[in-house]
mmCIF file of all heavy atoms, coordinates in Angstrom:
data_MODEL
# 
_entry.id   MODEL 
# 
loop_
_atom_site.group_PDB 
_atom_site.id 
_atom_site.type_symbol 
_atom_site.label_atom_id 
_atom_site.label_alt_id 
_atom_site.label_comp_id 
_atom_site.label_asym_id 
_atom_site.label_entity_id 
_atom_site.label_seq_id 
_atom_site.pdbx_PDB_ins_code 
_atom_site.Cartn_x 
_atom_site.Cartn_y 
_atom_site.Cartn_z 
_atom_site.occupancy 
_atom_site.B_iso_or_equiv 
_atom_site.pdbx_formal_charge 
_atom_site.auth_seq_id 
_atom_site.auth_comp_id 
_atom_site.auth_asym_id 
_atom_site.auth_atom_id 
_atom_site.pdbx_PDB_model_num 
ATOM 1   N N   . MET A 1 1  ? 0.876   -1.182 0.057   1.00 0.00 ? 1  MET A N   1 
ATOM 2   C CA  . MET A 1 1  ? 0.017   -0.001 -0.017  1.00 0.00 ? 1  MET A CA  1 
ATOM 3   C C   . MET A 1 1  ? 0.845   1.239  -0.002  1.00 0.00 ? 1  MET A C   1 
ATOM 4   O O   . MET A 1 1  ? 0.408   2.239  -0.464  1.00 0.00 ? 1  MET A O   1 
ATOM 5   C CB  . MET A 1 1  ? -0.945  -0.025 1.181   1.00 0.00 ? 1  MET A CB  1 
ATOM 6   C CG  . MET A 1 1  ? -1.907  1.133  1.313   1.00 0.00 ? 1  MET A CG  1 
ATOM 7   S SD  . MET A 1 1  ? -3.008  1.316  -0.076  1.00 0.00 ? 1  MET A SD  1 
ATOM 8   C CE  . MET A 1 1  ? -3.887  2.796  0.430   1.00 0.00 ? 1  MET A CE  1 
ATOM 9   N N   . ALA A 1 2  ? 2.049   1.278  0.528   1.00 0.00 ? 2  ALA A N   1 
ATOM 10  C CA  . ALA A 1 2  ? 2.852   2.398  0.686   1.00 0.00 ? 2  ALA A CA  1 
ATOM 11  C C   . ALA A 1 2  ? 3.181   3.014  -0.723  1.00 0.00 ? 2  ALA A C   1 
ATOM 12  O O   . ALA A 1 2  ? 2.801   4.302  -0.915  1.00 0.00 ? 2  ALA A O   1 
ATOM 13  C CB  . ALA A 1 2  ? 4.086   2.210  1.500   1.00 0.00 ? 2  ALA A CB  1 
ATOM 14  N N   . PRO A 1 3  ? 3.942   2.274  -1.652  1.00 0.00 ? 3  PRO A N   1 
ATOM 15  C CA  . PRO A 1 3  ? 4.119   2.922  -2.985  1.00 0.00 ? 3  PRO A CA  1 
ATOM 16  C C   . PRO A 1 3  ? 2.834   3.170  -3.614  1.00 0.00 ? 3  PRO A C   1 
ATOM 17  O O   . PRO A 1 3  ? 2.779   4.238  -4.498  1.00 0.00 ? 3  PRO A O   1 
ATOM 18  C CB  . PRO A 1 3  ? 5.097   1.986  -3.624  1.00 0.00 ? 3  PRO A CB  1 
ATOM 19  C CG  . PRO A 1 3  ? 4.733   0.598  -3.040  1.00 0.00 ? 3  PRO A CG  1 
ATOM 20  C CD  . PRO A 1 3  ? 4.466   0.886  -1.552  1.00 0.00 ? 3  PRO A CD  1 
ATOM 21  N N   . ALA A 1 4  ? 1.807   2.414  -3.689  1.00 0.00 ? 4  ALA A N   1 
ATOM 22  C CA  . ALA A 1 4  ? 0.551   2.709  -4.268  1.00 0.00 ? 4  ALA A CA  1 
ATOM 23  C C   . ALA A 1 4  ? 0.063   4.067  -3.695  1.00 0.00 ? 4  ALA A C   1 
ATOM 24  O O   . ALA A 1 4  ? -0.542  4.797  -4.499  1.00 0.00 ? 4  ALA A O   1 
ATOM 25  C CB  . ALA A 1 4  ? -0.451  1.583  -3.931  1.00 0.00 ? 4  ALA A CB  1 
ATOM 26  N N   . THR A 1 5  ? 0.241   4.417  -2.386  1.00 0.00 ? 5  THR A N   1 
ATOM 27  C CA  . THR A 1 5  ? -0.255  5.632  -2.041  1.00 0.00 ? 5  THR A CA  1 
ATOM 28  C C   . THR A 1 5  ? 0.631   6.792  -2.596  1.00 0.00 ? 5  THR A C   1 
ATOM 29  O O   . THR A 1 5  ? -0.021  7.810  -2.940  1.00 0.00 ? 5  THR A O   1 
ATOM 30  C CB  . THR A 1 5  ? -0.083  5.695  -0.380  1.00 0.00 ? 5  THR A CB  1 
ATOM 31  O OG1 . THR A 1 5  ? -0.822  4.726  0.165   1.00 0.00 ? 5  THR A OG1 1 
ATOM 32  C CG2 . THR A 1 5  ? -0.446  7.052  0.215   1.00 0.00 ? 5  THR A CG2 1 
ATOM 33  N N   . GLY A 1 6  ? 1.921   6.613  -2.781  1.00 0.00 ? 6  GLY A N   1 
ATOM 34  C CA  . GLY A 1 6  ? 2.773   7.515  -3.383  1.00 0.00 ? 6  GLY A CA  1 
ATOM 35  C C   . GLY A 1 6  ? 2.306   7.782  -4.820  1.00 0.00 ? 6  GLY A C   1 
ATOM 36  O O   . GLY A 1 6  ? 2.151   9.025  -5.235  1.00 0.00 ? 6  GLY A O   1 
ATOM 37  N N   . LEU A 1 7  ? 2.094   6.794  -5.576  1.00 0.00 ? 7  LEU A N   1 
ATOM 38  C CA  . LEU A 1 7  ? 1.561   7.008  -6.940  1.00 0.00 ? 7  LEU A CA  1 
ATOM 39  C C   . LEU A 1 7  ? 0.195   7.736  -7.036  1.00 0.00 ? 7  LEU A C   1 
ATOM 40  O O   . LEU A 1 7  ? 0.116   8.601  -7.862  1.00 0.00 ? 7  LEU A O   1 
ATOM 41  C CB  . LEU A 1 7  ? 1.562   5.530  -7.586  1.00 0.00 ? 7  LEU A CB  1 
ATOM 42  C CG  . LEU A 1 7  ? 1.251   5.680  -9.209  1.00 0.00 ? 7  LEU A CG  1 
ATOM 43  C CD1 . LEU A 1 7  ? 2.347   6.377  -9.950  1.00 0.00 ? 7  LEU A CD1 1 
ATOM 44  C CD2 . LEU A 1 7  ? 1.240   4.289  -9.713  1.00 0.00 ? 7  LEU A CD2 1 
ATOM 45  N N   . LEU A 1 8  ? -0.773  7.242  -6.192  1.00 0.00 ? 8  LEU A N   1 
ATOM 46  C CA  . LEU A 1 8  ? -1.926  7.956  -6.253  1.00 0.00 ? 8  LEU A CA  1 
ATOM 47  C C   . LEU A 1 8  ? -1.910  9.291  -5.792  1.00 0.00 ? 8  LEU A C   1 
ATOM 48  O O   . LEU A 1 8  ? -2.471  10.346 -6.288  1.00 0.00 ? 8  LEU A O   1 
ATOM 49  C CB  . LEU A 1 8  ? -3.021  7.228  -5.223  1.00 0.00 ? 8  LEU A CB  1 
ATOM 50  C CG  . LEU A 1 8  ? -3.400  5.868  -5.829  1.00 0.00 ? 8  LEU A CG  1 
ATOM 51  C CD1 . LEU A 1 8  ? -3.963  4.984  -4.642  1.00 0.00 ? 8  LEU A CD1 1 
ATOM 52  C CD2 . LEU A 1 8  ? -4.696  6.101  -6.759  1.00 0.00 ? 8  LEU A CD2 1 
ATOM 53  N N   . THR A 1 9  ? -1.028  9.682  -4.874  1.00 0.00 ? 9  THR A N   1 
ATOM 54  C CA  . THR A 1 9  ? -0.647  11.014 -4.429  1.00 0.00 ? 9  THR A CA  1 
ATOM 55  C C   . THR A 1 9  ? -0.131  11.830 -5.789  1.00 0.00 ? 9  THR A C   1 
ATOM 56  O O   . THR A 1 9  ? -0.625  13.016 -5.969  1.00 0.00 ? 9  THR A O   1 
ATOM 57  C CB  . THR A 1 9  ? 0.493   11.079 -3.490  1.00 0.00 ? 9  THR A CB  1 
ATOM 58  O OG1 . THR A 1 9  ? -0.158  10.456 -2.305  1.00 0.00 ? 9  THR A OG1 1 
ATOM 59  C CG2 . THR A 1 9  ? 0.734   12.601 -3.033  1.00 0.00 ? 9  THR A CG2 1 
ATOM 60  N N   . ALA A 1 10 ? 0.760   11.182 -6.497  1.00 0.00 ? 10 ALA A N   1 
ATOM 61  C CA  . ALA A 1 10 ? 1.227   11.908 -7.697  1.00 0.00 ? 10 ALA A CA  1 
ATOM 62  C C   . ALA A 1 10 ? -0.009  12.175 -8.723  1.00 0.00 ? 10 ALA A C   1 
ATOM 63  O O   . ALA A 1 10 ? 0.130   13.321 -9.251  1.00 0.00 ? 10 ALA A O   1 
ATOM 64  C CB  . ALA A 1 10 ? 2.412   11.016 -8.402  1.00 0.00 ? 10 ALA A CB  1 
ATOM 65  N N   . GLU A 1 11 ? -0.662  11.238 -8.906  1.00 0.00 ? 11 GLU A N   1 
ATOM 66  C CA  . GLU A 1 11 ? -1.964  11.488 -9.849  1.00 0.00 ? 11 GLU A CA  1 
ATOM 67  C C   . GLU A 1 11 ? -2.804  12.531 -9.276  1.00 0.00 ? 11 GLU A C   1 
ATOM 68  O O   . GLU A 1 11 ? -3.255  13.450 -10.008 1.00 0.00 ? 11 GLU A O   1 
ATOM 69  C CB  . GLU A 1 11 ? -2.690  10.150 -10.059 1.00 0.00 ? 11 GLU A CB  1 
ATOM 70  C CG  . GLU A 1 11 ? -1.902  9.221  -10.957 1.00 0.00 ? 11 GLU A CG  1 
ATOM 71  C CD  . GLU A 1 11 ? -1.852  9.605  -12.363 1.00 0.00 ? 11 GLU A CD  1 
ATOM 72  O OE1 . GLU A 1 11 ? -2.806  10.199 -12.841 1.00 0.00 ? 11 GLU A OE1 1 
ATOM 73  O OE2 . GLU A 1 11 ? -0.799  9.308  -12.916 1.00 0.00 ? 11 GLU A OE2 1 
ATOM 74  N N   . LEU A 1 12 ? -3.137  12.535 -8.005  1.00 0.00 ? 12 LEU A N   1 
ATOM 75  C CA  . LEU A 1 12 ? -3.968  13.501 -7.503  1.00 0.00 ? 12 LEU A CA  1 
ATOM 76  C C   . LEU A 1 12 ? -3.315  14.994 -7.506  1.00 0.00 ? 12 LEU A C   1 
ATOM 77  O O   . LEU A 1 12 ? -3.939  15.896 -7.861  1.00 0.00 ? 12 LEU A O   1 
ATOM 78  C CB  . LEU A 1 12 ? -4.297  13.277 -5.988  1.00 0.00 ? 12 LEU A CB  1 
ATOM 79  C CG  . LEU A 1 12 ? -5.261  11.940 -5.822  1.00 0.00 ? 12 LEU A CG  1 
ATOM 80  C CD1 . LEU A 1 12 ? -5.242  11.524 -4.310  1.00 0.00 ? 12 LEU A CD1 1 
ATOM 81  C CD2 . LEU A 1 12 ? -6.675  12.394 -6.127  1.00 0.00 ? 12 LEU A CD2 1 
ATOM 82  N N   . LYS A 1 13 ? -2.097  15.032 -7.165  1.00 0.00 ? 13 LYS A N   1 
ATOM 83  C CA  . LYS A 1 13 ? -1.371  16.286 -7.216  1.00 0.00 ? 13 LYS A CA  1 
ATOM 84  C C   . LYS A 1 13 ? -1.337  16.870 -8.546  1.00 0.00 ? 13 LYS A C   1 
ATOM 85  O O   . LYS A 1 13 ? -1.352  18.241 -8.791  1.00 0.00 ? 13 LYS A O   1 
ATOM 86  C CB  . LYS A 1 13 ? 0.078   16.001 -6.537  1.00 0.00 ? 13 LYS A CB  1 
ATOM 87  C CG  . LYS A 1 13 ? 0.768   17.347 -6.190  1.00 0.00 ? 13 LYS A CG  1 
ATOM 88  C CD  . LYS A 1 13 ? 2.103   17.023 -5.525  1.00 0.00 ? 13 LYS A CD  1 
ATOM 89  C CE  . LYS A 1 13 ? 2.835   18.342 -4.991  1.00 0.00 ? 13 LYS A CE  1 
ATOM 90  N NZ  . LYS A 1 13 ? 3.390   19.103 -6.193  1.00 0.00 ? 13 LYS A NZ  1 
ATOM 91  N N   . GLY A 1 14 ? -1.059  16.033 -9.601  1.00 0.00 ? 14 GLY A N   1 
ATOM 92  C CA  . GLY A 1 14 ? -0.835  16.462 -11.065 1.00 0.00 ? 14 GLY A CA  1 
ATOM 93  C C   . GLY A 1 14 ? -2.083  16.733 -11.691 1.00 0.00 ? 14 GLY A C   1 
ATOM 94  O O   . GLY A 1 14 ? -2.064  17.347 -12.769 1.00 0.00 ? 14 GLY A O   1 
ATOM 95  N N   . TYR A 1 15 ? -3.336  16.425 -11.143 1.00 0.00 ? 15 TYR A N   1 
ATOM 96  C CA  . TYR A 1 15 ? -4.576  16.500 -11.788 1.00 0.00 ? 15 TYR A CA  1 
ATOM 97  C C   . TYR A 1 15 ? -5.018  17.974 -11.804 1.00 0.00 ? 15 TYR A C   1 
ATOM 98  O O   . TYR A 1 15 ? -5.428  18.452 -10.734 1.00 0.00 ? 15 TYR A O   1 
ATOM 99  C CB  . TYR A 1 15 ? -5.666  15.493 -11.342 1.00 0.00 ? 15 TYR A CB  1 
ATOM 100 C CG  . TYR A 1 15 ? -6.931  15.679 -12.055 1.00 0.00 ? 15 TYR A CG  1 
ATOM 101 C CD1 . TYR A 1 15 ? -7.065  15.090 -13.337 1.00 0.00 ? 15 TYR A CD1 1 
ATOM 102 C CD2 . TYR A 1 15 ? -7.992  16.448 -11.563 1.00 0.00 ? 15 TYR A CD2 1 
ATOM 103 C CE1 . TYR A 1 15 ? -8.336  15.184 -13.920 1.00 0.00 ? 15 TYR A CE1 1 
ATOM 104 C CE2 . TYR A 1 15 ? -9.159  16.486 -12.280 1.00 0.00 ? 15 TYR A CE2 1 
ATOM 105 C CZ  . TYR A 1 15 ? -9.384  15.929 -13.442 1.00 0.00 ? 15 TYR A CZ  1 
ATOM 106 O OH  . TYR A 1 15 ? -10.536 16.126 -14.158 1.00 0.00 ? 15 TYR A OH  1 
ATOM 107 N N   . ALA A 1 16 ? -5.015  18.664 -12.898 1.00 0.00 ? 16 ALA A N   1 
ATOM 108 C CA  . ALA A 1 16 ? -5.709  20.024 -13.053 1.00 0.00 ? 16 ALA A CA  1 
ATOM 109 C C   . ALA A 1 16 ? -5.378  20.796 -11.847 1.00 0.00 ? 16 ALA A C   1 
ATOM 110 O O   . ALA A 1 16 ? -6.236  21.402 -11.181 1.00 0.00 ? 16 ALA A O   1 
ATOM 111 C CB  . ALA A 1 16 ? -7.181  19.967 -13.277 1.00 0.00 ? 16 ALA A CB  1 
ATOM 112 N N   . PRO A 1 17 ? -4.095  21.095 -11.459 1.00 0.00 ? 17 PRO A N   1 
ATOM 113 C CA  . PRO A 1 17 ? -3.722  21.856 -10.367 1.00 0.00 ? 17 PRO A CA  1 
ATOM 114 C C   . PRO A 1 17 ? -4.134  23.335 -10.544 1.00 0.00 ? 17 PRO A C   1 
ATOM 115 O O   . PRO A 1 17 ? -4.167  23.988 -11.551 1.00 0.00 ? 17 PRO A O   1 
ATOM 116 C CB  . PRO A 1 17 ? -2.186  21.782 -10.332 1.00 0.00 ? 17 PRO A CB  1 
ATOM 117 C CG  . PRO A 1 17 ? -1.802  21.525 -11.778 1.00 0.00 ? 17 PRO A CG  1 
ATOM 118 C CD  . PRO A 1 17 ? -2.851  20.716 -12.236 1.00 0.00 ? 17 PRO A CD  1 
ATOM 119 N N   . GLN A 1 18 ? -4.464  24.022 -9.342  1.00 0.00 ? 18 GLN A N   1 
ATOM 120 C CA  . GLN A 1 18 ? -4.932  25.260 -9.254  1.00 0.00 ? 18 GLN A CA  1 
ATOM 121 C C   . GLN A 1 18 ? -3.994  26.157 -8.394  1.00 0.00 ? 18 GLN A C   1 
ATOM 122 O O   . GLN A 1 18 ? -3.534  25.591 -7.317  1.00 0.00 ? 18 GLN A O   1 
ATOM 123 C CB  . GLN A 1 18 ? -6.476  25.422 -8.568  1.00 0.00 ? 18 GLN A CB  1 
ATOM 124 C CG  . GLN A 1 18 ? -7.516  24.900 -9.421  1.00 0.00 ? 18 GLN A CG  1 
ATOM 125 C CD  . GLN A 1 18 ? -8.905  25.444 -8.927  1.00 0.00 ? 18 GLN A CD  1 
ATOM 126 O OE1 . GLN A 1 18 ? -9.173  26.568 -8.939  1.00 0.00 ? 18 GLN A OE1 1 
ATOM 127 N NE2 . GLN A 1 18 ? -9.665  24.495 -8.224  1.00 0.00 ? 18 GLN A NE2 1 
ATOM 128 N N   . ALA A 1 19 ? -3.586  27.266 -8.958  1.00 0.00 ? 19 ALA A N   1 
ATOM 129 C CA  . ALA A 1 19 ? -2.662  28.166 -8.171  1.00 0.00 ? 19 ALA A CA  1 
ATOM 130 C C   . ALA A 1 19 ? -3.420  28.599 -6.873  1.00 0.00 ? 19 ALA A C   1 
ATOM 131 O O   . ALA A 1 19 ? -4.593  28.899 -6.918  1.00 0.00 ? 19 ALA A O   1 
ATOM 132 C CB  . ALA A 1 19 ? -2.365  29.362 -9.029  1.00 0.00 ? 19 ALA A CB  1 
ATOM 133 N N   . GLY A 1 20 ? -2.633  28.684 -5.833  1.00 0.00 ? 20 GLY A N   1 
ATOM 134 C CA  . GLY A 1 20 ? -3.171  29.177 -4.564  1.00 0.00 ? 20 GLY A CA  1 
ATOM 135 C C   . GLY A 1 20 ? -3.953  28.098 -3.870  1.00 0.00 ? 20 GLY A C   1 
ATOM 136 O O   . GLY A 1 20 ? -4.694  28.511 -2.828  1.00 0.00 ? 20 GLY A O   1 
ATOM 137 N N   . THR A 1 21 ? -3.770  26.828 -4.215  1.00 0.00 ? 21 THR A N   1 
ATOM 138 C CA  . THR A 1 21 ? -4.366  25.735 -3.337  1.00 0.00 ? 21 THR A CA  1 
ATOM 139 C C   . THR A 1 21 ? -3.314  24.646 -3.249  1.00 0.00 ? 21 THR A C   1 
ATOM 140 O O   . THR A 1 21 ? -2.425  24.476 -3.960  1.00 0.00 ? 21 THR A O   1 
ATOM 141 C CB  . THR A 1 21 ? -5.601  25.094 -4.034  1.00 0.00 ? 21 THR A CB  1 
ATOM 142 O OG1 . THR A 1 21 ? -5.293  24.553 -5.181  1.00 0.00 ? 21 THR A OG1 1 
ATOM 143 C CG2 . THR A 1 21 ? -6.686  26.123 -4.209  1.00 0.00 ? 21 THR A CG2 1 
ATOM 144 N N   . ARG A 1 22 ? -3.510  23.768 -2.264  1.00 0.00 ? 22 ARG A N   1 
ATOM 145 C CA  . ARG A 1 22 ? -2.708  22.641 -2.158  1.00 0.00 ? 22 ARG A CA  1 
ATOM 146 C C   . ARG A 1 22 ? -3.441  21.363 -1.451  1.00 0.00 ? 22 ARG A C   1 
ATOM 147 O O   . ARG A 1 22 ? -4.566  21.610 -0.853  1.00 0.00 ? 22 ARG A O   1 
ATOM 148 C CB  . ARG A 1 22 ? -1.433  22.899 -1.226  1.00 0.00 ? 22 ARG A CB  1 
ATOM 149 C CG  . ARG A 1 22 ? -1.667  23.057 0.209   1.00 0.00 ? 22 ARG A CG  1 
ATOM 150 C CD  . ARG A 1 22 ? -0.407  22.887 0.959   1.00 0.00 ? 22 ARG A CD  1 
ATOM 151 N NE  . ARG A 1 22 ? -0.614  23.195 2.403   1.00 0.00 ? 22 ARG A NE  1 
ATOM 152 C CZ  . ARG A 1 22 ? -0.887  22.216 3.388   1.00 0.00 ? 22 ARG A CZ  1 
ATOM 153 N NH1 . ARG A 1 22 ? -1.105  21.011 2.893   1.00 0.00 ? 22 ARG A NH1 1 
ATOM 154 N NH2 . ARG A 1 22 ? -0.972  22.567 4.604   1.00 0.00 ? 22 ARG A NH2 1 
ATOM 155 N N   . ILE A 1 23 ? -2.963  20.136 -1.651  1.00 0.00 ? 23 ILE A N   1 
ATOM 156 C CA  . ILE A 1 23 ? -3.619  19.019 -0.788  1.00 0.00 ? 23 ILE A CA  1 
ATOM 157 C C   . ILE A 1 23 ? -3.338  19.210 0.663   1.00 0.00 ? 23 ILE A C   1 
ATOM 158 O O   . ILE A 1 23 ? -2.244  19.288 1.001   1.00 0.00 ? 23 ILE A O   1 
ATOM 159 C CB  . ILE A 1 23 ? -2.994  17.795 -1.411  1.00 0.00 ? 23 ILE A CB  1 
ATOM 160 C CG1 . ILE A 1 23 ? -3.447  17.574 -2.954  1.00 0.00 ? 23 ILE A CG1 1 
ATOM 161 C CG2 . ILE A 1 23 ? -3.490  16.567 -0.689  1.00 0.00 ? 23 ILE A CG2 1 
ATOM 162 C CD1 . ILE A 1 23 ? -2.842  16.288 -3.613  1.00 0.00 ? 23 ILE A CD1 1 
ATOM 163 N N   . ALA A 1 24 ? -4.424  19.023 1.318   1.00 0.00 ? 24 ALA A N   1 
ATOM 164 C CA  . ALA A 1 24 ? -4.318  19.111 2.760   1.00 0.00 ? 24 ALA A CA  1 
ATOM 165 C C   . ALA A 1 24 ? -4.691  17.746 3.443   1.00 0.00 ? 24 ALA A C   1 
ATOM 166 O O   . ALA A 1 24 ? -4.259  17.475 4.580   1.00 0.00 ? 24 ALA A O   1 
ATOM 167 C CB  . ALA A 1 24 ? -5.317  20.126 3.385   1.00 0.00 ? 24 ALA A CB  1 
ATOM 168 N N   . ARG A 1 25 ? -5.484  16.974 2.696   1.00 0.00 ? 25 ARG A N   1 
ATOM 169 C CA  . ARG A 1 25 ? -5.834  15.706 3.260   1.00 0.00 ? 25 ARG A CA  1 
ATOM 170 C C   . ARG A 1 25 ? -6.055  14.807 2.021   1.00 0.00 ? 25 ARG A C   1 
ATOM 171 O O   . ARG A 1 25 ? -6.506  15.035 0.999   1.00 0.00 ? 25 ARG A O   1 
ATOM 172 C CB  . ARG A 1 25 ? -7.113  15.711 3.990   1.00 0.00 ? 25 ARG A CB  1 
ATOM 173 C CG  . ARG A 1 25 ? -7.444  14.332 4.794   1.00 0.00 ? 25 ARG A CG  1 
ATOM 174 C CD  . ARG A 1 25 ? -8.938  14.083 4.716   1.00 0.00 ? 25 ARG A CD  1 
ATOM 175 N NE  . ARG A 1 25 ? -9.322  13.601 3.312   1.00 0.00 ? 25 ARG A NE  1 
ATOM 176 C CZ  . ARG A 1 25 ? -10.557 13.203 2.912   1.00 0.00 ? 25 ARG A CZ  1 
ATOM 177 N NH1 . ARG A 1 25 ? -11.494 13.165 3.897   1.00 0.00 ? 25 ARG A NH1 1 
ATOM 178 N NH2 . ARG A 1 25 ? -10.834 12.916 1.703   1.00 0.00 ? 25 ARG A NH2 1 
ATOM 179 N N   . ILE A 1 26 ? -5.560  13.417 2.370   1.00 0.00 ? 26 ILE A N   1 
ATOM 180 C CA  . ILE A 1 26 ? -5.747  12.355 1.428   1.00 0.00 ? 26 ILE A CA  1 
ATOM 181 C C   . ILE A 1 26 ? -6.321  11.258 2.170   1.00 0.00 ? 26 ILE A C   1 
ATOM 182 O O   . ILE A 1 26 ? -5.795  10.787 3.155   1.00 0.00 ? 26 ILE A O   1 
ATOM 183 C CB  . ILE A 1 26 ? -4.422  11.899 0.735   1.00 0.00 ? 26 ILE A CB  1 
ATOM 184 C CG1 . ILE A 1 26 ? -3.765  13.075 -0.123  1.00 0.00 ? 26 ILE A CG1 1 
ATOM 185 C CG2 . ILE A 1 26 ? -4.706  10.667 -0.147  1.00 0.00 ? 26 ILE A CG2 1 
ATOM 186 C CD1 . ILE A 1 26 ? -2.567  12.730 -0.891  1.00 0.00 ? 26 ILE A CD1 1 
ATOM 187 N N   . SER A 1 27 ? -7.401  10.639 1.708   1.00 0.00 ? 27 SER A N   1 
ATOM 188 C CA  . SER A 1 27 ? -8.087  9.543  2.362   1.00 0.00 ? 27 SER A CA  1 
ATOM 189 C C   . SER A 1 27 ? -8.090  8.355  1.306   1.00 0.00 ? 27 SER A C   1 
ATOM 190 O O   . SER A 1 27 ? -8.587  8.569  0.184   1.00 0.00 ? 27 SER A O   1 
ATOM 191 C CB  . SER A 1 27 ? -9.559  10.096 2.761   1.00 0.00 ? 27 SER A CB  1 
ATOM 192 O OG  . SER A 1 27 ? -10.316 8.944  3.150   1.00 0.00 ? 27 SER A OG  1 
ATOM 193 N N   . LEU A 1 28 ? -7.648  7.383  1.824   1.00 0.00 ? 28 LEU A N   1 
ATOM 194 C CA  . LEU A 1 28 ? -7.552  6.178  0.859   1.00 0.00 ? 28 LEU A CA  1 
ATOM 195 C C   . LEU A 1 28 ? -8.215  4.878  1.444   1.00 0.00 ? 28 LEU A C   1 
ATOM 196 O O   . LEU A 1 28 ? -7.938  4.613  2.725   1.00 0.00 ? 28 LEU A O   1 
ATOM 197 C CB  . LEU A 1 28 ? -6.095  5.826  0.570   1.00 0.00 ? 28 LEU A CB  1 
ATOM 198 C CG  . LEU A 1 28 ? -5.173  6.843  0.153   1.00 0.00 ? 28 LEU A CG  1 
ATOM 199 C CD1 . LEU A 1 28 ? -4.113  7.414  1.187   1.00 0.00 ? 28 LEU A CD1 1 
ATOM 200 C CD2 . LEU A 1 28 ? -4.371  6.437  -1.187  1.00 0.00 ? 28 LEU A CD2 1 
ATOM 201 N N   . ASP A 1 29 ? -9.123  4.399  0.786   1.00 0.00 ? 29 ASP A N   1 
ATOM 202 C CA  . ASP A 1 29 ? -9.744  3.126  1.263   1.00 0.00 ? 29 ASP A CA  1 
ATOM 203 C C   . ASP A 1 29 ? -9.312  1.882  0.392   1.00 0.00 ? 29 ASP A C   1 
ATOM 204 O O   . ASP A 1 29 ? -9.440  2.026  -0.929  1.00 0.00 ? 29 ASP A O   1 
ATOM 205 C CB  . ASP A 1 29 ? -11.358 3.438  1.069   1.00 0.00 ? 29 ASP A CB  1 
ATOM 206 C CG  . ASP A 1 29 ? -11.936 4.336  2.054   1.00 0.00 ? 29 ASP A CG  1 
ATOM 207 O OD1 . ASP A 1 29 ? -11.606 4.033  3.183   1.00 0.00 ? 29 ASP A OD1 1 
ATOM 208 O OD2 . ASP A 1 29 ? -12.564 5.413  1.609   1.00 0.00 ? 29 ASP A OD2 1 
# 
């Protein structure tokens, strides 16, 4: 689950980023 979390983080972070915002919480089921 650890590297899978990293890869999902990369996809979430890179998806249509908006200036002036950042990821504050990631919830994985």
